[in-house]
Amino acid sequence: QVQLVESGGGLVQGGGSLRLSCAASGSIFSFSTKPMEWYRQAPGKQRELVAAMTVGGSTNYADTVKGRFTISRDNAKKTVYLQMNSLKPEDTAVYYCRVTTNGNAYWGQGTQVTVSS
C-alpha cells in the first residue's frame, strides 16, 4: 500500500509564493526508484499535469507554469516538493501528487491553493 500526503496549500495574493510538499510512505513503495508528478484540478476543469520529475532528476513542466514552478525531491525524506512563485489567480486549484508503482497509480488527498487578484 502507498500513502501520499500533500501539504502547504493556502490563500496567497497574486505574485506571491507557496511551497507544496508531498510525503510518501508504504511498505511496498521504493520512493527513490519512482518518477513523481504534481497535478492540479481547478473547479469545472479536468485534472492536468503540472510538473514531473524522473528518478534521474529530469523535469517536465506544463507550459503555463514554466519559469514559475520548480519540482524537486528529497529521497531520504521520501518527499517531493513544488515551489510555486509569481502565482496567478489562474493557478487556483487543488494540487495533487501522484506516483505509479506496480502498475497502479496512487494519489494524495490534495491541497487547496487559492490565489487572489
Protein backbone atom coordinates (compact mmCIF):
# COMPACT_ATOMS: atom_id res chain seq x y z
CA GLN A 1 0.00 0.00 0.00
CA VAL A 2 1.17 3.54 -0.79
CA GLN A 3 0.14 6.70 1.00
CA LEU A 4 0.74 10.22 -0.27
CA VAL A 5 0.02 13.25 1.90
CA GLU A 6 0.16 16.76 0.45
CA SER A 7 0.56 19.91 2.48
CA GLY A 8 1.48 23.55 2.09
CA GLY A 9 -1.53 24.93 0.29
CA GLY A 10 -3.34 28.07 1.31
CA LEU A 11 -4.51 31.51 0.31
CA VAL A 12 -1.96 33.85 -1.25
CA GLN A 13 -2.08 37.12 -3.13
CA GLY A 14 -1.18 37.26 -6.78
CA GLY A 15 2.58 37.43 -7.24
CA GLY A 16 3.18 35.50 -4.05
CA SER A 17 4.77 32.11 -3.45
CA LEU A 18 3.89 28.79 -1.89
CA ARG A 19 5.80 25.56 -1.41
CA LEU A 20 3.85 22.34 -1.55
CA SER A 21 5.09 19.09 -0.07
CA CYS A 22 4.05 15.50 -0.72
CA ALA A 23 5.23 12.90 1.76
CA ALA A 24 5.17 9.29 0.65
CA SER A 25 5.01 6.12 2.71
CA GLY A 26 4.21 2.46 2.26
CA SER A 27 5.94 -0.82 2.84
CA ILE A 28 5.97 -1.85 -0.83
CA PHE A 29 6.99 1.51 -2.09
CA SER A 30 10.56 2.35 -3.04
CA PHE A 31 10.35 6.12 -3.37
CA SER A 32 13.79 6.70 -4.88
CA THR A 33 13.05 4.45 -7.86
CA LYS A 34 9.82 6.16 -8.95
CA PRO A 35 9.09 9.26 -11.02
CA MET A 36 6.90 11.73 -9.15
CA GLU A 37 4.26 14.06 -10.53
CA TRP A 38 2.19 17.05 -9.47
CA TYR A 39 -1.27 17.61 -10.94
CA ARG A 40 -3.91 20.23 -10.33
CA GLN A 41 -7.64 20.48 -10.85
CA ALA A 42 -9.50 23.76 -10.97
CA PRO A 43 -13.28 23.92 -10.49
CA GLY A 44 -15.08 22.73 -13.61
CA LYS A 45 -11.87 21.69 -15.33
CA GLN A 46 -10.06 18.44 -15.94
CA ARG A 47 -7.11 17.44 -13.82
CA GLU A 48 -3.89 18.44 -15.56
CA LEU A 49 -0.22 17.58 -15.20
CA VAL A 50 1.75 20.50 -13.76
CA ALA A 51 5.22 19.08 -13.20
CA ALA A 52 7.07 15.79 -13.22
CA MET A 53 10.46 14.58 -12.11
CA THR A 54 12.22 11.38 -13.12
CA VAL A 55 14.38 9.24 -10.89
CA GLY A 56 17.43 10.78 -12.55
CA GLY A 57 16.27 14.30 -11.85
CA SER A 58 14.97 15.33 -15.26
CA THR A 59 11.97 17.63 -15.07
CA ASN A 60 9.00 18.48 -17.23
CA TYR A 61 6.53 21.33 -16.78
CA ALA A 62 3.26 22.46 -18.22
CA ASP A 63 3.73 25.50 -20.45
CA THR A 64 1.52 27.55 -18.14
CA VAL A 65 3.91 27.17 -15.20
CA LYS A 66 7.34 27.07 -16.86
CA GLY A 67 9.72 29.51 -15.28
CA ARG A 68 7.50 29.94 -12.21
CA PHE A 69 7.21 26.46 -10.67
CA THR A 70 10.00 24.10 -9.66
CA ILE A 71 9.65 20.45 -8.74
CA SER A 72 12.23 18.79 -6.52
CA ARG A 73 12.57 15.70 -4.40
CA ASP A 74 14.33 14.52 -1.27
CA ASN A 75 14.68 10.76 -1.47
CA ALA A 76 15.90 10.46 2.10
CA LYS A 77 12.69 12.10 3.32
CA LYS A 78 10.53 10.40 0.66
CA THR A 79 9.13 13.79 -0.18
CA VAL A 80 8.51 15.69 -3.39
CA TYR A 81 8.11 19.46 -3.44
CA LEU A 82 6.56 22.02 -5.72
CA GLN A 83 7.89 25.55 -5.32
CA MET A 84 5.41 27.97 -6.84
CA ASN A 85 6.46 31.57 -7.48
CA SER A 86 4.78 34.51 -9.18
CA LEU A 87 1.41 32.91 -8.55
CA LYS A 88 -1.56 33.99 -10.62
CA PRO A 89 -5.31 33.70 -9.94
CA GLU A 90 -5.48 31.08 -12.69
CA ASP A 91 -3.21 28.86 -10.59
CA THR A 92 -6.09 28.42 -8.15
CA ALA A 93 -6.82 24.70 -7.90
CA VAL A 94 -6.50 21.61 -5.77
CA TYR A 95 -2.99 20.26 -6.19
CA TYR A 96 -2.28 16.52 -6.07
CA CYS A 97 0.84 14.42 -6.19
CA ARG A 98 0.90 11.08 -7.92
CA VAL A 99 3.13 8.06 -8.16
CA THR A 100 2.74 4.94 -10.27
CA THR A 101 4.15 1.71 -8.92
CA ASN A 102 3.48 -1.94 -9.76
CA GLY A 103 1.05 -0.81 -12.42
CA ASN A 104 -1.11 1.18 -10.01
CA ALA A 105 -1.42 4.96 -9.75
CA TYR A 106 -1.68 6.43 -6.27
CA TRP A 107 -2.92 9.91 -5.45
CA GLY A 108 -2.82 12.05 -2.37
CA GLN A 109 -5.90 13.77 -0.96
CA GLY A 110 -4.90 17.11 -2.46
CA THR A 111 -4.14 20.53 -1.06
CA GLN A 112 -6.07 23.66 -1.97
CA VAL A 113 -4.21 26.63 -3.45
CA THR A 114 -6.15 29.86 -3.81
CA VAL A 115 -4.58 32.91 -5.43
CA SER A 116 -6.37 36.23 -5.02
CA SER A 117 -6.12 39.02 -7.54
